[in-house]
Amino acid sequence: MSRSAPIAVVVTAVEHVAQDIKRFSMQRADGQSLPHFSPGSHVTVEMPVPGGHKRNPYSLMGPLDDPHTYQISVLRVLQSRGGSQFMHDAVNVGDQLQISEPFNLFQPESIARRHILIAGGIGITPFMAMTQRFAAATIPFELHYAVRSRSRAAYADVLSAQIGSHVHFYCDDEGDVLDVRKILSGQPLGTHLYVCGPEGMIDAVLNAAREEGWPEEYLHCER
């Protein structure tokens, strides 16, 4: 199957949202509507870095009700292979980029009775659209968001305002502990688990769920 033609977009806003994290807003260069995306979707951004082109996937955050705007957030990675450094240092308002159409490998299960979301750091990004959709539809869910420090907790204020008691924060430098087994135990049958964040965290959460007897088909991750 051939790949869809890239979409030319113009960067309309660049904002610092936390330490080493920037949010980029984009609209189509031709002024037309962007393809609809569902919570959990990502786009691939093509970047002309030194020595060639890089293609990095980034989760789409919303807003779900704006057909003309996509938003992504990018963490500056110290050992970057060029992608995050390019986005942070070379991309400004008015610049044009090429992106793919949205693709979803992290779709929430529509038949789930409840959704448990666990995010580590920049792994919060796919959950921004999910929680927006869940809250609007009064779908039972809870979000557990772990960060190294408050300065790195992107969108903490937004989440607190939008979903209130549905979100729980854990900061390493404040001694907070993300007790995964406590979160997973006692959940009603039909609950699905979603995790996004550092590789080690994802593996630890999934392994804990398996040891607690969660069915494999109820476990979802985005790496």
N, C-alpha and C. Protein backbone atom coordinates (compact mmCIF):
# COMPACT_ATOMS: atom_id res chain seq x y z
N MET A 1 0.85 -1.19 0.00
CA MET A 1 0.00 0.00 0.00
C MET A 1 0.89 1.24 0.00
N SER A 2 0.61 2.17 -0.89
CA SER A 2 1.44 3.35 -1.00
C SER A 2 1.13 4.33 0.13
N ARG A 3 2.14 5.10 0.50
CA ARG A 3 1.99 6.07 1.56
C ARG A 3 1.31 7.32 1.02
N SER A 4 0.43 7.92 1.82
CA SER A 4 -0.27 9.13 1.41
C SER A 4 0.73 10.26 1.20
N ALA A 5 0.37 11.18 0.32
CA ALA A 5 1.22 12.34 0.08
C ALA A 5 1.30 13.18 1.34
N PRO A 6 2.47 13.76 1.63
CA PRO A 6 2.60 14.60 2.83
C PRO A 6 1.73 15.85 2.73
N ILE A 7 1.40 16.40 3.88
CA ILE A 7 0.60 17.62 3.97
C ILE A 7 1.52 18.77 4.34
N ALA A 8 1.48 19.84 3.57
CA ALA A 8 2.27 21.03 3.88
C ALA A 8 1.52 21.85 4.92
N VAL A 9 2.20 22.13 6.03
CA VAL A 9 1.59 22.92 7.10
C VAL A 9 2.49 24.10 7.45
N VAL A 10 1.87 25.13 8.03
CA VAL A 10 2.59 26.31 8.49
C VAL A 10 2.49 26.36 10.01
N VAL A 11 3.60 26.61 10.66
CA VAL A 11 3.61 26.71 12.12
C VAL A 11 3.00 28.06 12.51
N THR A 12 1.94 28.00 13.32
CA THR A 12 1.22 29.22 13.70
C THR A 12 1.52 29.67 15.12
N ALA A 13 2.08 28.78 15.94
CA ALA A 13 2.44 29.15 17.31
C ALA A 13 3.49 28.19 17.84
N VAL A 14 4.42 28.72 18.62
CA VAL A 14 5.43 27.92 19.33
C VAL A 14 5.45 28.41 20.76
N GLU A 15 5.21 27.51 21.71
CA GLU A 15 5.08 27.92 23.11
C GLU A 15 5.87 26.97 24.01
N HIS A 16 6.58 27.53 24.99
CA HIS A 16 7.19 26.73 26.04
C HIS A 16 6.08 26.32 27.01
N VAL A 17 5.91 25.03 27.24
CA VAL A 17 4.85 24.57 28.14
C VAL A 17 5.42 23.92 29.40
N ALA A 18 6.70 23.61 29.41
CA ALA A 18 7.38 23.04 30.58
C ALA A 18 8.86 23.03 30.27
N GLN A 19 9.67 22.68 31.25
CA GLN A 19 11.11 22.63 31.04
C GLN A 19 11.43 21.66 29.90
N ASP A 20 12.11 22.18 28.87
CA ASP A 20 12.56 21.39 27.71
C ASP A 20 11.42 20.87 26.85
N ILE A 21 10.22 21.43 26.99
CA ILE A 21 9.09 20.99 26.17
C ILE A 21 8.45 22.20 25.49
N LYS A 22 8.28 22.08 24.18
CA LYS A 22 7.60 23.11 23.40
C LYS A 22 6.36 22.52 22.72
N ARG A 23 5.33 23.35 22.62
CA ARG A 23 4.13 22.98 21.86
C ARG A 23 4.12 23.74 20.55
N PHE A 24 3.83 23.02 19.47
CA PHE A 24 3.78 23.60 18.13
C PHE A 24 2.36 23.46 17.59
N SER A 25 1.78 24.59 17.18
CA SER A 25 0.48 24.59 16.52
C SER A 25 0.70 24.75 15.02
N MET A 26 -0.09 24.03 14.22
CA MET A 26 0.11 24.02 12.77
C MET A 26 -1.22 24.08 12.04
N GLN A 27 -1.23 24.75 10.91
CA GLN A 27 -2.38 24.77 10.02
C GLN A 27 -1.93 24.47 8.60
N ARG A 28 -2.86 24.00 7.78
CA ARG A 28 -2.50 23.68 6.39
C ARG A 28 -2.03 24.93 5.66
N ALA A 29 -1.01 24.76 4.84
CA ALA A 29 -0.48 25.89 4.08
C ALA A 29 -1.48 26.41 3.06
N ASP A 30 -2.37 25.53 2.58
CA ASP A 30 -3.35 25.96 1.58
C ASP A 30 -4.63 26.48 2.21
N GLY A 31 -4.69 26.52 3.54
CA GLY A 31 -5.85 27.07 4.23
C GLY A 31 -7.02 26.13 4.37
N GLN A 32 -6.92 24.92 3.83
CA GLN A 32 -8.01 23.96 3.91
C GLN A 32 -8.04 23.27 5.28
N SER A 33 -9.11 22.54 5.54
CA SER A 33 -9.22 21.79 6.78
C SER A 33 -8.22 20.65 6.81
N LEU A 34 -7.76 20.31 7.99
CA LEU A 34 -6.89 19.16 8.17
C LEU A 34 -7.73 17.90 8.33
N PRO A 35 -7.16 16.73 8.02
CA PRO A 35 -7.91 15.48 8.21
C PRO A 35 -8.33 15.31 9.67
N HIS A 36 -9.51 14.76 9.87
CA HIS A 36 -9.98 14.47 11.23
C HIS A 36 -9.04 13.48 11.89
N PHE A 37 -8.84 13.64 13.20
CA PHE A 37 -8.05 12.65 13.93
C PHE A 37 -8.80 12.22 15.18
N SER A 38 -8.55 11.00 15.60
CA SER A 38 -9.18 10.45 16.80
C SER A 38 -8.17 10.44 17.94
N PRO A 39 -8.63 10.45 19.20
CA PRO A 39 -7.70 10.41 20.33
C PRO A 39 -6.75 9.22 20.25
N GLY A 40 -5.46 9.49 20.48
CA GLY A 40 -4.44 8.46 20.35
C GLY A 40 -3.68 8.53 19.04
N SER A 41 -4.12 9.39 18.11
CA SER A 41 -3.47 9.50 16.80
C SER A 41 -2.13 10.22 16.89
N HIS A 42 -1.30 9.98 15.88
CA HIS A 42 -0.05 10.71 15.75
C HIS A 42 0.14 11.10 14.29
N VAL A 43 1.02 12.07 14.07
CA VAL A 43 1.48 12.39 12.72
C VAL A 43 3.00 12.26 12.70
N THR A 44 3.53 12.04 11.53
CA THR A 44 4.98 12.01 11.35
C THR A 44 5.42 13.32 10.73
N VAL A 45 6.40 13.97 11.36
CA VAL A 45 6.91 15.25 10.88
C VAL A 45 8.23 15.02 10.16
N GLU A 46 8.34 15.55 8.96
CA GLU A 46 9.57 15.44 8.18
C GLU A 46 10.44 16.66 8.48
N MET A 47 11.71 16.41 8.80
CA MET A 47 12.60 17.49 9.22
C MET A 47 13.90 17.46 8.42
N PRO A 48 14.24 18.56 7.77
CA PRO A 48 15.50 18.63 7.01
C PRO A 48 16.68 18.90 7.92
N VAL A 49 17.15 17.86 8.58
CA VAL A 49 18.28 18.01 9.50
C VAL A 49 19.59 17.87 8.74
N PRO A 50 20.71 18.34 9.31
CA PRO A 50 22.01 18.18 8.64
C PRO A 50 22.29 16.71 8.31
N GLY A 51 22.68 16.48 7.07
CA GLY A 51 22.99 15.12 6.64
C GLY A 51 21.82 14.37 6.06
N GLY A 52 20.65 15.00 5.98
CA GLY A 52 19.50 14.32 5.39
C GLY A 52 18.20 14.71 6.06
N HIS A 53 17.18 13.88 5.88
CA HIS A 53 15.86 14.14 6.44
C HIS A 53 15.58 13.14 7.56
N LYS A 54 14.90 13.61 8.59
CA LYS A 54 14.41 12.73 9.65
C LYS A 54 12.89 12.75 9.64
N ARG A 55 12.31 11.65 10.07
CA ARG A 55 10.85 11.55 10.16
C ARG A 55 10.53 11.07 11.57
N ASN A 56 9.99 11.96 12.40
CA ASN A 56 9.66 11.61 13.78
C ASN A 56 8.15 11.63 13.99
N PRO A 57 7.60 10.63 14.70
CA PRO A 57 6.17 10.65 15.02
C PRO A 57 5.91 11.44 16.30
N TYR A 58 4.81 12.21 16.31
CA TYR A 58 4.41 12.96 17.49
C TYR A 58 2.89 12.82 17.68
N SER A 59 2.47 12.63 18.92
CA SER A 59 1.05 12.48 19.21
C SER A 59 0.32 13.80 18.97
N LEU A 60 -0.87 13.69 18.40
CA LEU A 60 -1.73 14.86 18.23
C LEU A 60 -2.51 15.10 19.52
N MET A 61 -2.49 16.34 19.98
CA MET A 61 -3.06 16.66 21.28
C MET A 61 -4.44 17.30 21.20
N GLY A 62 -4.80 17.81 20.09
CA GLY A 62 -6.05 18.56 20.01
C GLY A 62 -5.76 19.95 19.47
N PRO A 63 -6.75 20.81 19.51
CA PRO A 63 -8.11 20.60 20.00
C PRO A 63 -8.95 19.76 19.03
N LEU A 64 -9.77 18.88 19.59
CA LEU A 64 -10.55 17.97 18.76
C LEU A 64 -11.62 18.68 17.95
N ASP A 65 -12.05 19.86 18.43
CA ASP A 65 -13.15 20.56 17.76
C ASP A 65 -12.67 21.64 16.78
N ASP A 66 -11.38 21.67 16.49
CA ASP A 66 -10.84 22.66 15.55
C ASP A 66 -10.30 21.94 14.32
N PRO A 67 -11.04 21.95 13.20
CA PRO A 67 -10.60 21.21 12.01
C PRO A 67 -9.43 21.85 11.28
N HIS A 68 -8.99 23.02 11.73
CA HIS A 68 -7.91 23.72 11.03
C HIS A 68 -6.58 23.69 11.77
N THR A 69 -6.55 23.14 12.98
CA THR A 69 -5.33 23.21 13.79
C THR A 69 -4.93 21.85 14.33
N TYR A 70 -3.65 21.52 14.19
CA TYR A 70 -3.03 20.40 14.88
C TYR A 70 -2.07 20.96 15.92
N GLN A 71 -1.92 20.23 17.02
CA GLN A 71 -0.93 20.59 18.03
C GLN A 71 -0.12 19.35 18.40
N ILE A 72 1.20 19.54 18.52
CA ILE A 72 2.09 18.50 19.01
C ILE A 72 2.99 19.12 20.07
N SER A 73 3.53 18.29 20.95
CA SER A 73 4.52 18.77 21.92
C SER A 73 5.78 17.95 21.75
N VAL A 74 6.92 18.63 21.86
CA VAL A 74 8.22 18.00 21.59
C VAL A 74 9.15 18.23 22.79
N LEU A 75 9.69 17.15 23.30
CA LEU A 75 10.68 17.20 24.36
C LEU A 75 12.07 17.30 23.75
N ARG A 76 12.87 18.25 24.22
CA ARG A 76 14.26 18.30 23.79
C ARG A 76 15.01 17.15 24.44
N VAL A 77 15.52 16.25 23.61
CA VAL A 77 16.24 15.07 24.10
C VAL A 77 17.74 15.35 24.05
N LEU A 78 18.42 15.15 25.18
CA LEU A 78 19.84 15.47 25.25
C LEU A 78 20.65 14.66 24.25
N GLN A 79 20.33 13.39 24.11
CA GLN A 79 21.03 12.52 23.16
C GLN A 79 20.25 12.43 21.85
N SER A 80 19.73 13.56 21.42
CA SER A 80 18.90 13.61 20.22
C SER A 80 19.69 13.20 18.98
N ARG A 81 19.01 12.48 18.09
CA ARG A 81 19.60 12.15 16.79
C ARG A 81 19.31 13.24 15.76
N GLY A 82 18.82 14.38 16.24
CA GLY A 82 18.62 15.52 15.36
C GLY A 82 17.20 16.03 15.32
N GLY A 83 16.22 15.17 15.59
CA GLY A 83 14.83 15.56 15.43
C GLY A 83 14.36 16.58 16.46
N SER A 84 14.49 16.25 17.74
CA SER A 84 14.00 17.18 18.77
C SER A 84 14.84 18.46 18.79
N GLN A 85 16.12 18.34 18.52
CA GLN A 85 16.98 19.53 18.46
C GLN A 85 16.54 20.45 17.33
N PHE A 86 16.21 19.87 16.19
CA PHE A 86 15.73 20.67 15.06
C PHE A 86 14.44 21.39 15.42
N MET A 87 13.49 20.67 16.02
CA MET A 87 12.21 21.28 16.35
C MET A 87 12.40 22.42 17.35
N HIS A 88 13.27 22.24 18.32
CA HIS A 88 13.46 23.27 19.35
C HIS A 88 14.27 24.46 18.85
N ASP A 89 15.27 24.21 18.03
CA ASP A 89 16.21 25.27 17.66
C ASP A 89 15.94 25.91 16.31
N ALA A 90 15.28 25.20 15.42
CA ALA A 90 15.18 25.69 14.05
C ALA A 90 13.76 26.02 13.59
N VAL A 91 12.75 25.61 14.35
CA VAL A 91 11.36 25.80 13.88
C VAL A 91 10.74 26.99 14.60
N ASN A 92 10.24 27.94 13.81
CA ASN A 92 9.64 29.16 14.34
C ASN A 92 8.29 29.41 13.68
N VAL A 93 7.53 30.34 14.25
CA VAL A 93 6.25 30.72 13.67
C VAL A 93 6.46 31.19 12.23
N GLY A 94 5.62 30.69 11.34
CA GLY A 94 5.73 31.04 9.92
C GLY A 94 6.48 30.03 9.08
N ASP A 95 7.22 29.13 9.73
CA ASP A 95 7.94 28.11 8.99
C ASP A 95 6.98 27.06 8.45
N GLN A 96 7.38 26.43 7.35
CA GLN A 96 6.57 25.39 6.74
C GLN A 96 7.20 24.03 6.98
N LEU A 97 6.37 23.05 7.29
CA LEU A 97 6.80 21.67 7.50
C LEU A 97 5.94 20.73 6.67
N GLN A 98 6.42 19.52 6.53
CA GLN A 98 5.66 18.46 5.88
C GLN A 98 5.30 17.42 6.94
N ILE A 99 4.01 17.07 6.99
CA ILE A 99 3.57 16.06 7.94
C ILE A 99 2.76 15.00 7.21
N SER A 100 2.63 13.85 7.86
CA SER A 100 1.80 12.78 7.31
C SER A 100 0.35 13.00 7.72
N GLU A 101 -0.55 12.22 7.16
CA GLU A 101 -1.91 12.17 7.66
C GLU A 101 -1.91 11.47 9.02
N PRO A 102 -2.92 11.72 9.85
CA PRO A 102 -2.96 11.08 11.16
C PRO A 102 -3.08 9.56 11.03
N PHE A 103 -2.44 8.87 11.98
CA PHE A 103 -2.50 7.41 12.03
C PHE A 103 -2.63 7.02 13.49
N ASN A 104 -3.52 6.06 13.78
CA ASN A 104 -3.81 5.74 15.18
C ASN A 104 -3.45 4.29 15.50
N LEU A 105 -2.46 4.12 16.38
CA LEU A 105 -2.09 2.81 16.91
C LEU A 105 -2.40 2.72 18.40
N PHE A 106 -3.09 3.72 18.94
CA PHE A 106 -3.29 3.83 20.38
C PHE A 106 -4.73 4.23 20.68
N GLN A 107 -5.65 3.65 19.93
CA GLN A 107 -7.06 4.01 20.02
C GLN A 107 -7.69 3.46 21.29
N PRO A 108 -8.41 4.29 22.05
CA PRO A 108 -9.13 3.75 23.21
C PRO A 108 -10.18 2.73 22.80
N GLU A 109 -10.33 1.70 23.60
CA GLU A 109 -11.30 0.65 23.31
C GLU A 109 -12.71 1.15 23.64
N SER A 110 -13.58 1.15 22.64
CA SER A 110 -14.93 1.68 22.83
C SER A 110 -15.78 0.82 23.75
N ILE A 111 -15.43 -0.48 23.89
CA ILE A 111 -16.25 -1.37 24.72
C ILE A 111 -15.77 -1.42 26.17
N ALA A 112 -14.69 -0.70 26.49
CA ALA A 112 -14.15 -0.74 27.84
C ALA A 112 -15.14 -0.12 28.83
N ARG A 113 -15.23 -0.72 30.02
CA ARG A 113 -16.09 -0.17 31.08
C ARG A 113 -15.42 1.01 31.76
N ARG A 114 -14.09 1.01 31.77
CA ARG A 114 -13.32 2.04 32.45
C ARG A 114 -11.94 2.10 31.81
N HIS A 115 -11.31 3.27 31.88
CA HIS A 115 -9.99 3.46 31.29
C HIS A 115 -9.02 3.97 32.36
N ILE A 116 -7.88 3.28 32.49
CA ILE A 116 -6.81 3.71 33.38
C ILE A 116 -5.64 4.18 32.52
N LEU A 117 -5.26 5.44 32.64
CA LEU A 117 -4.20 6.04 31.83
C LEU A 117 -3.00 6.33 32.73
N ILE A 118 -1.82 5.86 32.33
CA ILE A 118 -0.61 6.12 33.10
C ILE A 118 0.41 6.78 32.17
N ALA A 119 0.83 7.99 32.54
CA ALA A 119 1.75 8.77 31.71
C ALA A 119 3.03 9.07 32.47
N GLY A 120 4.15 9.02 31.77
CA GLY A 120 5.43 9.43 32.32
C GLY A 120 6.02 10.54 31.47
N GLY A 121 6.19 11.74 32.05
CA GLY A 121 6.82 12.84 31.32
C GLY A 121 6.07 13.22 30.06
N ILE A 122 6.81 13.28 28.95
CA ILE A 122 6.22 13.68 27.67
C ILE A 122 5.17 12.68 27.19
N GLY A 123 5.10 11.52 27.84
CA GLY A 123 4.08 10.54 27.52
C GLY A 123 2.67 11.01 27.82
N ILE A 124 2.52 12.21 28.39
CA ILE A 124 1.20 12.77 28.63
C ILE A 124 0.50 13.15 27.32
N THR A 125 1.25 13.36 26.25
CA THR A 125 0.66 14.00 25.06
C THR A 125 -0.50 13.22 24.44
N PRO A 126 -0.42 11.89 24.25
CA PRO A 126 -1.59 11.23 23.64
C PRO A 126 -2.81 11.26 24.54
N PHE A 127 -2.61 11.45 25.84
CA PHE A 127 -3.73 11.43 26.77
C PHE A 127 -4.48 12.76 26.84
N MET A 128 -3.92 13.82 26.28
CA MET A 128 -4.61 15.10 26.30
C MET A 128 -5.92 15.02 25.51
N ALA A 129 -5.86 14.44 24.32
CA ALA A 129 -7.09 14.30 23.53
C ALA A 129 -8.00 13.23 24.11
N MET A 130 -7.41 12.15 24.64
CA MET A 130 -8.23 11.08 25.23
C MET A 130 -9.06 11.61 26.38
N THR A 131 -8.42 12.32 27.32
CA THR A 131 -9.15 12.80 28.49
C THR A 131 -10.20 13.83 28.10
N GLN A 132 -9.91 14.61 27.08
CA GLN A 132 -10.90 15.57 26.59
C GLN A 132 -12.14 14.84 26.10
N ARG A 133 -11.95 13.77 25.35
CA ARG A 133 -13.07 12.98 24.83
C ARG A 133 -13.81 12.24 25.95
N PHE A 134 -13.07 11.62 26.86
CA PHE A 134 -13.70 10.89 27.96
C PHE A 134 -14.55 11.82 28.82
N ALA A 135 -13.99 12.97 29.18
CA ALA A 135 -14.71 13.90 30.05
C ALA A 135 -15.98 14.41 29.38
N ALA A 136 -15.91 14.71 28.08
CA ALA A 136 -17.07 15.23 27.37
C ALA A 136 -18.18 14.19 27.28
N ALA A 137 -17.79 12.92 27.20
CA ALA A 137 -18.77 11.84 27.05
C ALA A 137 -19.10 11.16 28.38
N THR A 138 -18.58 11.70 29.50
CA THR A 138 -18.76 11.13 30.85
C THR A 138 -18.41 9.64 30.88
N ILE A 139 -17.30 9.29 30.25
CA ILE A 139 -16.79 7.92 30.25
C ILE A 139 -15.90 7.75 31.48
N PRO A 140 -16.06 6.72 32.27
CA PRO A 140 -15.25 6.54 33.48
C PRO A 140 -13.76 6.37 33.14
N PHE A 141 -12.91 7.17 33.80
CA PHE A 141 -11.47 7.08 33.56
C PHE A 141 -10.72 7.71 34.71
N GLU A 142 -9.44 7.39 34.80
CA GLU A 142 -8.53 8.09 35.71
C GLU A 142 -7.17 8.18 35.05
N LEU A 143 -6.50 9.30 35.28
CA LEU A 143 -5.19 9.56 34.70
C LEU A 143 -4.16 9.69 35.82
N HIS A 144 -3.07 8.94 35.71
CA HIS A 144 -1.97 9.00 36.66
C HIS A 144 -0.74 9.50 35.90
N TYR A 145 -0.21 10.65 36.34
CA TYR A 145 0.80 11.40 35.58
C TYR A 145 2.04 11.58 36.45
N ALA A 146 3.13 10.90 36.08
CA ALA A 146 4.37 10.94 36.85
C ALA A 146 5.42 11.77 36.11
N VAL A 147 6.11 12.65 36.87
CA VAL A 147 7.15 13.50 36.30
C VAL A 147 8.33 13.56 37.28
N ARG A 148 9.47 14.01 36.77
CA ARG A 148 10.63 14.15 37.64
C ARG A 148 10.51 15.34 38.58
N SER A 149 9.88 16.41 38.08
CA SER A 149 9.71 17.62 38.90
C SER A 149 8.52 18.41 38.37
N ARG A 150 8.03 19.35 39.19
CA ARG A 150 6.89 20.18 38.79
C ARG A 150 7.21 20.97 37.53
N SER A 151 8.47 21.38 37.37
CA SER A 151 8.84 22.19 36.21
C SER A 151 8.70 21.42 34.90
N ARG A 152 8.67 20.10 35.00
CA ARG A 152 8.55 19.25 33.80
C ARG A 152 7.13 18.72 33.59
N ALA A 153 6.20 19.15 34.42
CA ALA A 153 4.83 18.64 34.34
C ALA A 153 4.02 19.44 33.33
N ALA A 154 4.24 19.18 32.07
CA ALA A 154 3.52 19.89 31.01
C ALA A 154 2.02 19.65 31.14
N TYR A 155 1.26 20.73 31.05
CA TYR A 155 -0.20 20.69 31.02
C TYR A 155 -0.83 20.30 32.35
N ALA A 156 -0.07 20.34 33.43
CA ALA A 156 -0.64 20.00 34.73
C ALA A 156 -1.81 20.92 35.08
N ASP A 157 -1.63 22.23 34.88
CA ASP A 157 -2.70 23.18 35.20
C ASP A 157 -3.91 22.96 34.31
N VAL A 158 -3.66 22.70 33.04
CA VAL A 158 -4.77 22.46 32.09
C VAL A 158 -5.56 21.23 32.50
N LEU A 159 -4.86 20.16 32.84
CA LEU A 159 -5.53 18.93 33.23
C LEU A 159 -6.33 19.12 34.52
N SER A 160 -5.74 19.81 35.48
CA SER A 160 -6.46 20.05 36.73
C SER A 160 -7.75 20.82 36.48
N ALA A 161 -7.69 21.80 35.58
CA ALA A 161 -8.87 22.61 35.28
C ALA A 161 -9.90 21.83 34.48
N GLN A 162 -9.45 20.97 33.57
CA GLN A 162 -10.37 20.29 32.67
C GLN A 162 -10.98 19.04 33.25
N ILE A 163 -10.19 18.25 34.00
CA ILE A 163 -10.71 16.96 34.44
C ILE A 163 -10.65 16.76 35.95
N GLY A 164 -10.16 17.76 36.68
CA GLY A 164 -10.25 17.78 38.14
C GLY A 164 -9.77 16.51 38.82
N SER A 165 -10.66 15.87 39.56
CA SER A 165 -10.30 14.72 40.38
C SER A 165 -9.95 13.47 39.58
N HIS A 166 -10.13 13.51 38.28
CA HIS A 166 -9.75 12.37 37.43
C HIS A 166 -8.23 12.22 37.31
N VAL A 167 -7.47 13.30 37.59
CA VAL A 167 -6.02 13.27 37.38
C VAL A 167 -5.30 13.22 38.72
N HIS A 168 -4.22 12.42 38.78
CA HIS A 168 -3.39 12.27 39.96
C HIS A 168 -1.94 12.50 39.54
N PHE A 169 -1.23 13.39 40.26
CA PHE A 169 0.13 13.76 39.91
C PHE A 169 1.13 13.13 40.88
N TYR A 170 2.31 12.78 40.34
CA TYR A 170 3.39 12.20 41.13
C TYR A 170 4.70 12.86 40.69
N CYS A 171 5.39 13.53 41.64
CA CYS A 171 6.65 14.19 41.34
C CYS A 171 7.79 13.49 42.08
N ASP A 172 8.78 13.02 41.33
CA ASP A 172 9.89 12.30 41.93
C ASP A 172 10.59 13.13 42.99
N ASP A 173 10.87 14.42 42.69
CA ASP A 173 11.65 15.22 43.62
C ASP A 173 10.86 15.67 44.85
N GLU A 174 9.58 15.32 44.91
CA GLU A 174 8.77 15.58 46.10
C GLU A 174 8.47 14.29 46.87
N GLY A 175 9.10 13.21 46.43
CA GLY A 175 8.95 11.95 47.13
C GLY A 175 7.68 11.18 46.81
N ASP A 176 6.94 11.61 45.80
CA ASP A 176 5.71 10.90 45.44
C ASP A 176 6.04 9.57 44.77
N VAL A 177 5.26 8.57 45.06
CA VAL A 177 5.48 7.24 44.51
C VAL A 177 4.27 6.82 43.67
N LEU A 178 4.52 6.44 42.44
CA LEU A 178 3.47 5.90 41.58
C LEU A 178 3.34 4.41 41.90
N ASP A 179 2.34 4.07 42.70
CA ASP A 179 2.14 2.68 43.13
C ASP A 179 1.24 1.99 42.10
N VAL A 180 1.86 1.39 41.10
CA VAL A 180 1.12 0.82 39.99
C VAL A 180 0.21 -0.31 40.46
N ARG A 181 0.70 -1.17 41.32
CA ARG A 181 -0.11 -2.31 41.77
C ARG A 181 -1.35 -1.84 42.54
N LYS A 182 -1.21 -0.78 43.31
CA LYS A 182 -2.36 -0.25 44.02
C LYS A 182 -3.39 0.30 43.05
N ILE A 183 -2.91 0.96 41.99
CA ILE A 183 -3.81 1.50 40.96
C ILE A 183 -4.55 0.38 40.25
N LEU A 184 -3.83 -0.70 39.94
CA LEU A 184 -4.41 -1.77 39.12
C LEU A 184 -5.33 -2.68 39.92
N SER A 185 -5.09 -2.83 41.20
CA SER A 185 -5.88 -3.77 41.98
C SER A 185 -7.28 -3.22 42.22
N GLY A 186 -8.25 -4.11 42.19
CA GLY A 186 -9.62 -3.74 42.50
C GLY A 186 -10.37 -3.02 41.40
N GLN A 187 -9.78 -2.92 40.21
CA GLN A 187 -10.49 -2.28 39.11
C GLN A 187 -11.60 -3.21 38.60
N PRO A 188 -12.73 -2.65 38.16
CA PRO A 188 -13.83 -3.50 37.70
C PRO A 188 -13.47 -4.26 36.43
N LEU A 189 -14.09 -5.41 36.28
CA LEU A 189 -13.89 -6.22 35.07
C LEU A 189 -14.25 -5.39 33.84
N GLY A 190 -13.41 -5.47 32.82
CA GLY A 190 -13.64 -4.69 31.61
C GLY A 190 -12.88 -3.38 31.56
N THR A 191 -12.03 -3.14 32.59
CA THR A 191 -11.19 -1.95 32.59
C THR A 191 -9.99 -2.15 31.68
N HIS A 192 -9.65 -1.14 30.88
CA HIS A 192 -8.49 -1.20 30.00
C HIS A 192 -7.41 -0.25 30.51
N LEU A 193 -6.16 -0.65 30.30
CA LEU A 193 -5.00 0.09 30.77
C LEU A 193 -4.22 0.64 29.58
N TYR A 194 -3.80 1.91 29.68
CA TYR A 194 -3.02 2.56 28.64
C TYR A 194 -1.81 3.21 29.30
N VAL A 195 -0.63 3.03 28.72
CA VAL A 195 0.57 3.61 29.30
C VAL A 195 1.45 4.18 28.20
N CYS A 196 2.01 5.37 28.46
CA CYS A 196 2.92 6.02 27.51
C CYS A 196 3.97 6.78 28.31
N GLY A 197 5.23 6.62 27.95
CA GLY A 197 6.31 7.29 28.65
C GLY A 197 7.63 6.62 28.34
N PRO A 198 8.61 6.76 29.23
CA PRO A 198 9.91 6.12 29.01
C PRO A 198 9.78 4.59 28.91
N GLU A 199 10.66 4.01 28.13
CA GLU A 199 10.61 2.57 27.86
C GLU A 199 10.57 1.74 29.15
N GLY A 200 11.43 2.07 30.13
CA GLY A 200 11.47 1.31 31.36
C GLY A 200 10.17 1.39 32.13
N MET A 201 9.55 2.55 32.13
CA MET A 201 8.28 2.71 32.82
C MET A 201 7.19 1.89 32.15
N ILE A 202 7.13 1.93 30.84
CA ILE A 202 6.13 1.16 30.11
C ILE A 202 6.25 -0.33 30.45
N ASP A 203 7.47 -0.84 30.38
CA ASP A 203 7.69 -2.26 30.67
C ASP A 203 7.29 -2.61 32.10
N ALA A 204 7.62 -1.74 33.05
CA ALA A 204 7.30 -1.99 34.45
C ALA A 204 5.79 -2.03 34.68
N VAL A 205 5.08 -1.10 34.07
CA VAL A 205 3.62 -1.06 34.23
C VAL A 205 2.97 -2.28 33.59
N LEU A 206 3.38 -2.62 32.39
CA LEU A 206 2.79 -3.78 31.71
C LEU A 206 3.10 -5.07 32.46
N ASN A 207 4.32 -5.21 32.94
CA ASN A 207 4.69 -6.43 33.69
C ASN A 207 3.88 -6.53 34.98
N ALA A 208 3.68 -5.40 35.65
CA ALA A 208 2.88 -5.41 36.88
C ALA A 208 1.44 -5.83 36.57
N ALA A 209 0.90 -5.32 35.48
CA ALA A 209 -0.47 -5.67 35.11
C ALA A 209 -0.59 -7.17 34.80
N ARG A 210 0.39 -7.70 34.10
CA ARG A 210 0.36 -9.14 33.79
C ARG A 210 0.43 -9.97 35.06
N GLU A 211 1.29 -9.55 35.97
CA GLU A 211 1.41 -10.28 37.23
C GLU A 211 0.15 -10.19 38.07
N GLU A 212 -0.62 -9.10 37.88
CA GLU A 212 -1.89 -8.96 38.58
C GLU A 212 -3.02 -9.70 37.87
N GLY A 213 -2.70 -10.33 36.73
CA GLY A 213 -3.70 -11.14 36.03
C GLY A 213 -4.52 -10.41 35.00
N TRP A 214 -4.08 -9.23 34.60
CA TRP A 214 -4.83 -8.50 33.57
C TRP A 214 -4.69 -9.22 32.22
N PRO A 215 -5.79 -9.39 31.48
CA PRO A 215 -5.72 -10.01 30.14
C PRO A 215 -4.87 -9.15 29.20
N GLU A 216 -4.10 -9.79 28.35
CA GLU A 216 -3.21 -9.08 27.44
C GLU A 216 -3.97 -8.11 26.54
N GLU A 217 -5.18 -8.49 26.14
CA GLU A 217 -5.94 -7.64 25.22
C GLU A 217 -6.48 -6.38 25.91
N TYR A 218 -6.31 -6.28 27.23
CA TYR A 218 -6.73 -5.07 27.95
C TYR A 218 -5.57 -4.12 28.18
N LEU A 219 -4.39 -4.47 27.68
CA LEU A 219 -3.17 -3.68 27.91
C LEU A 219 -2.77 -2.97 26.62
N HIS A 220 -2.52 -1.67 26.71
CA HIS A 220 -2.21 -0.86 25.53
C HIS A 220 -1.05 0.07 25.87
N CYS A 221 -0.12 0.23 24.94
CA CYS A 221 1.00 1.14 25.18
C CYS A 221 1.39 1.83 23.89
N GLU A 222 2.02 2.99 24.05
CA GLU A 222 2.63 3.69 22.91
C GLU A 222 4.06 4.01 23.30
N ARG A 223 4.98 3.52 22.50
CA ARG A 223 6.40 3.68 22.80
C ARG A 223 6.99 4.79 21.94
